[in-house]
N, C-alpha and C. Protein backbone atom coordinates (compact mmCIF):
# COMPACT_ATOMS: atom_id res chain seq x y z
N MET A 1 -11.18 -12.33 -6.27
CA MET A 1 -10.29 -11.23 -6.16
C MET A 1 -9.90 -10.70 -7.52
N THR A 2 -9.94 -9.42 -7.64
CA THR A 2 -9.58 -8.76 -8.96
C THR A 2 -8.08 -8.96 -9.13
N PRO A 3 -7.67 -9.28 -10.31
CA PRO A 3 -6.23 -9.46 -10.53
C PRO A 3 -5.52 -8.08 -10.55
N LEU A 4 -4.29 -8.11 -10.07
CA LEU A 4 -3.45 -6.91 -10.10
C LEU A 4 -2.96 -6.71 -11.52
N PRO A 5 -2.63 -5.45 -11.90
CA PRO A 5 -2.18 -5.16 -13.23
C PRO A 5 -0.79 -5.69 -13.50
N ASP A 6 -0.44 -5.75 -14.74
CA ASP A 6 0.92 -6.11 -15.12
C ASP A 6 1.86 -5.00 -14.57
N PRO A 7 2.90 -5.41 -13.82
CA PRO A 7 3.79 -4.42 -13.25
C PRO A 7 4.40 -3.45 -14.27
N ALA A 8 4.58 -3.96 -15.52
CA ALA A 8 5.17 -3.10 -16.56
C ALA A 8 4.23 -1.93 -16.95
N GLN A 9 2.97 -2.00 -16.53
CA GLN A 9 2.02 -0.92 -16.88
C GLN A 9 2.07 0.31 -15.93
N GLY A 10 2.89 0.22 -14.91
CA GLY A 10 3.00 1.37 -14.04
C GLY A 10 3.18 0.99 -12.59
N LEU A 11 3.39 2.02 -11.79
CA LEU A 11 3.64 1.86 -10.34
C LEU A 11 2.45 2.05 -9.50
N GLU A 12 1.33 2.59 -10.06
CA GLU A 12 0.18 2.87 -9.23
C GLU A 12 -1.00 2.04 -9.55
N VAL A 13 -1.89 1.86 -8.54
CA VAL A 13 -3.15 1.25 -8.70
C VAL A 13 -4.22 2.18 -8.06
N ASP A 14 -5.43 2.10 -8.58
CA ASP A 14 -6.50 2.95 -8.12
C ASP A 14 -7.07 2.40 -6.81
N VAL A 15 -7.65 3.29 -5.99
CA VAL A 15 -8.21 2.86 -4.72
C VAL A 15 -9.35 1.92 -4.92
N ARG A 16 -10.06 1.99 -5.99
CA ARG A 16 -11.18 1.03 -6.23
C ARG A 16 -10.66 -0.36 -6.48
N LEU A 17 -9.50 -0.45 -7.15
CA LEU A 17 -8.85 -1.74 -7.32
C LEU A 17 -8.44 -2.32 -6.01
N VAL A 18 -7.86 -1.48 -5.15
CA VAL A 18 -7.45 -1.94 -3.82
C VAL A 18 -8.66 -2.38 -3.00
N GLU A 19 -9.75 -1.66 -3.11
CA GLU A 19 -11.00 -2.09 -2.49
C GLU A 19 -11.37 -3.47 -2.94
N SER A 20 -11.25 -3.73 -4.20
CA SER A 20 -11.64 -5.06 -4.73
C SER A 20 -10.69 -6.18 -4.28
N LEU A 21 -9.54 -5.81 -3.73
CA LEU A 21 -8.59 -6.78 -3.24
C LEU A 21 -8.76 -7.14 -1.80
N ALA A 22 -9.83 -6.63 -1.16
CA ALA A 22 -10.04 -6.80 0.29
C ALA A 22 -9.99 -8.26 0.73
N ALA A 23 -10.64 -9.15 -0.07
CA ALA A 23 -10.64 -10.59 0.31
C ALA A 23 -9.22 -11.13 0.19
N GLY A 24 -8.52 -10.75 -0.82
CA GLY A 24 -7.13 -11.18 -0.95
C GLY A 24 -6.17 -10.71 0.11
N ILE A 25 -6.49 -9.46 0.57
CA ILE A 25 -5.67 -8.91 1.61
C ILE A 25 -6.01 -9.65 2.93
N ALA A 26 -7.31 -9.88 3.22
CA ALA A 26 -7.68 -10.62 4.40
C ALA A 26 -7.14 -12.05 4.43
N ALA A 27 -7.08 -12.68 3.22
CA ALA A 27 -6.62 -14.05 3.12
C ALA A 27 -5.08 -14.13 3.10
N GLY A 28 -4.43 -12.96 3.07
CA GLY A 28 -2.95 -12.96 3.02
C GLY A 28 -2.35 -13.14 1.72
N GLU A 29 -3.13 -13.07 0.60
CA GLU A 29 -2.62 -13.23 -0.75
C GLU A 29 -1.92 -11.97 -1.22
N VAL A 30 -2.35 -10.84 -0.69
CA VAL A 30 -1.76 -9.51 -1.04
C VAL A 30 -1.44 -8.81 0.25
N GLN A 31 -0.24 -8.16 0.28
CA GLN A 31 0.17 -7.45 1.44
C GLN A 31 -0.23 -5.97 1.24
N LEU A 32 -0.86 -5.38 2.23
CA LEU A 32 -1.21 -3.96 2.26
C LEU A 32 -0.29 -3.30 3.28
N VAL A 33 0.44 -2.30 2.82
CA VAL A 33 1.40 -1.66 3.69
C VAL A 33 1.20 -0.16 3.79
N ASP A 34 1.09 0.32 5.04
CA ASP A 34 0.97 1.71 5.34
C ASP A 34 2.33 2.29 5.66
N CYS A 35 2.87 3.19 4.84
CA CYS A 35 4.24 3.70 5.06
C CYS A 35 4.25 5.07 5.71
N ARG A 36 3.13 5.49 6.34
CA ARG A 36 3.08 6.74 7.01
C ARG A 36 3.77 6.64 8.37
N GLU A 37 3.89 7.75 9.02
CA GLU A 37 4.58 7.74 10.37
C GLU A 37 3.57 7.35 11.48
N GLU A 38 4.08 7.12 12.66
CA GLU A 38 3.33 6.54 13.75
C GLU A 38 2.08 7.36 14.14
N ASP A 39 2.19 8.66 14.19
CA ASP A 39 1.05 9.46 14.58
C ASP A 39 -0.09 9.34 13.53
N GLU A 40 0.31 9.21 12.24
CA GLU A 40 -0.66 9.10 11.19
C GLU A 40 -1.31 7.68 11.31
N TRP A 41 -0.55 6.66 11.51
CA TRP A 41 -1.05 5.29 11.63
C TRP A 41 -2.01 5.20 12.79
N ARG A 42 -1.68 5.86 13.92
CA ARG A 42 -2.61 5.84 15.08
C ARG A 42 -3.90 6.54 14.80
N PHE A 43 -3.85 7.62 13.97
CA PHE A 43 -5.07 8.41 13.66
C PHE A 43 -6.03 7.57 12.78
N ASN A 44 -5.50 6.87 11.78
CA ASN A 44 -6.38 6.03 10.95
C ASN A 44 -5.47 5.10 10.10
N HIS A 45 -6.00 3.98 9.75
CA HIS A 45 -5.33 3.07 8.80
C HIS A 45 -6.38 2.11 8.26
N LEU A 46 -6.06 1.43 7.18
CA LEU A 46 -6.93 0.55 6.51
C LEU A 46 -6.90 -0.83 7.15
N PRO A 47 -8.03 -1.57 7.14
CA PRO A 47 -8.06 -2.91 7.67
C PRO A 47 -7.15 -3.80 6.92
N GLY A 48 -6.38 -4.61 7.67
CA GLY A 48 -5.47 -5.56 7.11
C GLY A 48 -4.11 -5.03 6.75
N ALA A 49 -3.90 -3.71 7.00
CA ALA A 49 -2.63 -3.07 6.65
C ALA A 49 -1.55 -3.40 7.67
N ARG A 50 -0.35 -3.47 7.18
CA ARG A 50 0.85 -3.62 7.98
C ARG A 50 1.51 -2.29 8.07
N TRP A 51 2.01 -1.88 9.18
CA TRP A 51 2.70 -0.56 9.31
C TRP A 51 4.23 -0.69 9.13
N VAL A 52 4.73 -0.10 8.11
CA VAL A 52 6.19 0.00 7.89
C VAL A 52 6.47 1.43 7.49
N PRO A 53 6.83 2.32 8.44
CA PRO A 53 7.01 3.70 8.13
C PRO A 53 8.15 3.94 7.17
N LEU A 54 7.96 4.88 6.25
CA LEU A 54 9.01 5.18 5.26
C LEU A 54 10.32 5.60 5.93
N SER A 55 10.30 6.17 7.11
CA SER A 55 11.51 6.61 7.80
C SER A 55 12.40 5.45 8.17
N SER A 56 11.83 4.25 8.28
CA SER A 56 12.62 2.99 8.54
C SER A 56 12.35 1.92 7.56
N PHE A 57 11.96 2.29 6.34
CA PHE A 57 11.50 1.35 5.34
C PHE A 57 12.62 0.37 4.95
N GLU A 58 13.81 0.83 4.85
CA GLU A 58 14.88 -0.10 4.39
C GLU A 58 15.02 -1.33 5.35
N THR A 59 14.90 -1.11 6.61
CA THR A 59 15.00 -2.25 7.56
C THR A 59 13.68 -2.94 7.68
N GLY A 60 12.56 -2.20 7.80
CA GLY A 60 11.27 -2.81 8.01
C GLY A 60 10.70 -3.51 6.85
N ALA A 61 11.12 -3.18 5.64
CA ALA A 61 10.50 -3.77 4.47
C ALA A 61 11.25 -4.98 3.90
N ALA A 62 12.33 -5.37 4.59
CA ALA A 62 13.13 -6.52 4.09
C ALA A 62 12.22 -7.79 4.01
N GLY A 63 11.37 -7.94 4.97
CA GLY A 63 10.52 -9.15 4.96
C GLY A 63 9.51 -9.13 3.81
N LEU A 64 9.11 -7.93 3.35
CA LEU A 64 8.15 -7.82 2.21
C LEU A 64 8.83 -8.41 0.99
N ILE A 65 10.11 -8.11 0.80
CA ILE A 65 10.85 -8.63 -0.39
C ILE A 65 11.02 -10.09 -0.31
N ASP A 66 11.48 -10.54 0.86
CA ASP A 66 11.70 -11.99 1.06
C ASP A 66 10.45 -12.81 0.90
N ASP A 67 9.31 -12.24 1.30
CA ASP A 67 8.04 -12.93 1.25
C ASP A 67 7.60 -13.17 -0.18
N GLY A 68 7.77 -12.21 -1.05
CA GLY A 68 7.43 -12.38 -2.47
C GLY A 68 6.01 -12.17 -2.85
N ARG A 69 5.08 -12.02 -1.91
CA ARG A 69 3.69 -11.77 -2.27
C ARG A 69 3.53 -10.38 -2.78
N PRO A 70 2.53 -10.18 -3.63
CA PRO A 70 2.29 -8.78 -4.09
C PRO A 70 2.05 -7.80 -2.93
N VAL A 71 2.49 -6.52 -3.15
CA VAL A 71 2.41 -5.52 -2.15
C VAL A 71 1.72 -4.27 -2.74
N VAL A 72 0.79 -3.75 -1.98
CA VAL A 72 0.23 -2.41 -2.33
C VAL A 72 0.59 -1.55 -1.08
N VAL A 73 1.26 -0.37 -1.39
CA VAL A 73 1.70 0.52 -0.34
C VAL A 73 0.86 1.79 -0.42
N TYR A 74 0.49 2.34 0.71
CA TYR A 74 -0.24 3.63 0.70
C TYR A 74 0.35 4.55 1.74
N CYS A 75 0.09 5.84 1.60
CA CYS A 75 0.44 6.85 2.54
C CYS A 75 -0.69 7.85 2.61
N HIS A 76 -0.41 9.12 2.85
CA HIS A 76 -1.49 10.07 2.95
C HIS A 76 -2.04 10.49 1.54
N HIS A 77 -1.14 10.85 0.64
CA HIS A 77 -1.59 11.27 -0.70
C HIS A 77 -0.93 10.51 -1.85
N GLY A 78 0.05 9.70 -1.59
CA GLY A 78 0.64 8.86 -2.63
C GLY A 78 2.10 9.17 -2.98
N MET A 79 2.67 10.18 -2.39
CA MET A 79 4.07 10.51 -2.70
C MET A 79 5.06 9.55 -1.98
N ARG A 80 4.81 9.38 -0.68
CA ARG A 80 5.76 8.48 0.06
C ARG A 80 5.56 7.04 -0.41
N SER A 81 4.35 6.60 -0.68
CA SER A 81 4.13 5.24 -1.13
C SER A 81 4.75 4.98 -2.50
N MET A 82 4.82 6.03 -3.31
CA MET A 82 5.46 5.88 -4.64
C MET A 82 6.96 5.68 -4.40
N ARG A 83 7.54 6.40 -3.47
CA ARG A 83 8.96 6.17 -3.11
C ARG A 83 9.23 4.80 -2.59
N ALA A 84 8.31 4.36 -1.74
CA ALA A 84 8.45 2.98 -1.15
C ALA A 84 8.33 1.92 -2.26
N THR A 85 7.39 2.14 -3.16
CA THR A 85 7.18 1.20 -4.26
C THR A 85 8.40 1.12 -5.18
N THR A 86 8.91 2.30 -5.51
CA THR A 86 10.12 2.33 -6.32
C THR A 86 11.28 1.60 -5.60
N TRP A 87 11.40 1.80 -4.35
CA TRP A 87 12.42 1.13 -3.55
C TRP A 87 12.22 -0.39 -3.62
N LEU A 88 11.01 -0.84 -3.38
CA LEU A 88 10.70 -2.31 -3.43
C LEU A 88 11.09 -2.89 -4.81
N ARG A 89 10.64 -2.22 -5.84
CA ARG A 89 10.88 -2.71 -7.21
C ARG A 89 12.41 -2.75 -7.49
N SER A 90 13.12 -1.73 -7.04
CA SER A 90 14.55 -1.68 -7.30
C SER A 90 15.28 -2.80 -6.60
N ARG A 91 14.64 -3.46 -5.64
CA ARG A 91 15.22 -4.59 -4.93
C ARG A 91 14.65 -5.92 -5.35
N GLY A 92 13.96 -5.96 -6.49
CA GLY A 92 13.50 -7.15 -7.07
C GLY A 92 12.04 -7.52 -6.86
N LEU A 93 11.30 -6.79 -6.06
CA LEU A 93 9.91 -7.13 -5.86
C LEU A 93 9.11 -6.43 -6.93
N ASP A 94 8.94 -7.05 -8.09
CA ASP A 94 8.28 -6.43 -9.22
C ASP A 94 6.81 -6.21 -8.98
N ARG A 95 6.19 -7.06 -8.18
CA ARG A 95 4.72 -6.97 -7.93
C ARG A 95 4.49 -6.08 -6.70
N ALA A 96 4.87 -4.81 -6.88
CA ALA A 96 4.65 -3.80 -5.83
C ALA A 96 4.04 -2.58 -6.49
N TRP A 97 3.01 -2.00 -5.85
CA TRP A 97 2.28 -0.82 -6.40
C TRP A 97 2.04 0.15 -5.29
N SER A 98 1.89 1.43 -5.70
CA SER A 98 1.47 2.50 -4.80
C SER A 98 -0.02 2.73 -5.02
N MET A 99 -0.77 2.90 -3.97
CA MET A 99 -2.15 3.24 -4.09
C MET A 99 -2.33 4.74 -4.39
N ALA A 100 -2.73 5.04 -5.59
CA ALA A 100 -2.83 6.42 -6.09
C ALA A 100 -3.76 7.26 -5.16
N GLY A 101 -3.28 8.42 -4.74
CA GLY A 101 -4.11 9.29 -3.91
C GLY A 101 -4.08 8.99 -2.44
N GLY A 102 -3.54 7.83 -2.04
CA GLY A 102 -3.36 7.45 -0.65
C GLY A 102 -4.63 7.30 0.15
N ILE A 103 -4.49 7.37 1.47
CA ILE A 103 -5.68 7.16 2.31
C ILE A 103 -6.67 8.31 2.22
N ASP A 104 -6.19 9.47 1.81
CA ASP A 104 -7.06 10.57 1.58
C ASP A 104 -8.04 10.27 0.43
N GLU A 105 -7.55 9.70 -0.63
CA GLU A 105 -8.40 9.35 -1.79
C GLU A 105 -9.36 8.21 -1.41
N TRP A 106 -8.85 7.27 -0.56
CA TRP A 106 -9.69 6.17 -0.04
C TRP A 106 -10.85 6.78 0.74
N SER A 107 -10.60 7.75 1.56
CA SER A 107 -11.67 8.35 2.37
C SER A 107 -12.70 9.01 1.47
N ARG A 108 -12.23 9.65 0.37
CA ARG A 108 -13.18 10.38 -0.50
C ARG A 108 -13.95 9.46 -1.43
N ARG A 109 -13.32 8.39 -1.93
CA ARG A 109 -13.97 7.59 -2.98
C ARG A 109 -14.47 6.20 -2.52
N VAL A 110 -13.92 5.72 -1.36
CA VAL A 110 -14.25 4.35 -0.99
C VAL A 110 -15.02 4.29 0.32
N ASP A 111 -14.44 4.88 1.42
CA ASP A 111 -15.06 4.82 2.70
C ASP A 111 -14.96 6.18 3.40
N PRO A 112 -16.02 7.01 3.38
CA PRO A 112 -15.97 8.25 4.02
C PRO A 112 -15.93 8.17 5.58
N GLU A 113 -16.06 7.00 6.09
CA GLU A 113 -15.95 6.78 7.55
C GLU A 113 -14.49 6.85 8.02
N VAL A 114 -13.55 6.67 7.12
CA VAL A 114 -12.11 6.76 7.41
C VAL A 114 -11.84 8.31 7.54
N PRO A 115 -11.48 8.74 8.72
CA PRO A 115 -11.22 10.21 8.89
C PRO A 115 -10.11 10.73 8.06
N THR A 116 -10.22 11.99 7.67
CA THR A 116 -9.18 12.68 6.86
C THR A 116 -8.50 13.67 7.79
N TYR A 117 -7.35 14.06 7.33
CA TYR A 117 -6.56 15.06 8.08
C TYR A 117 -5.78 15.91 7.09
């Protein structure tokens, strides 16, 4: 598994880095969180992702903080996941990142089989 960057270096990680974390996500070493809303989640989502919509993030994400494992959050383009990442870090989970460009970027650069909208 590719190591995650130093949290002090920023809030975002590239989709290619997230792709390289697939084994760690599957093994439960890294948590992958989709913070989009239900209709978006039903339309498409990444393998191994947990759904915690931003609209209920404060209650749904408490377990992420308590768990302590690294977290990568994604949304459609990266704005909501940046908010979620900032929220997680402000509550002590330093090893949290937003996937830059969101699932849209994933569809364009990693897996074109993931439908875009």
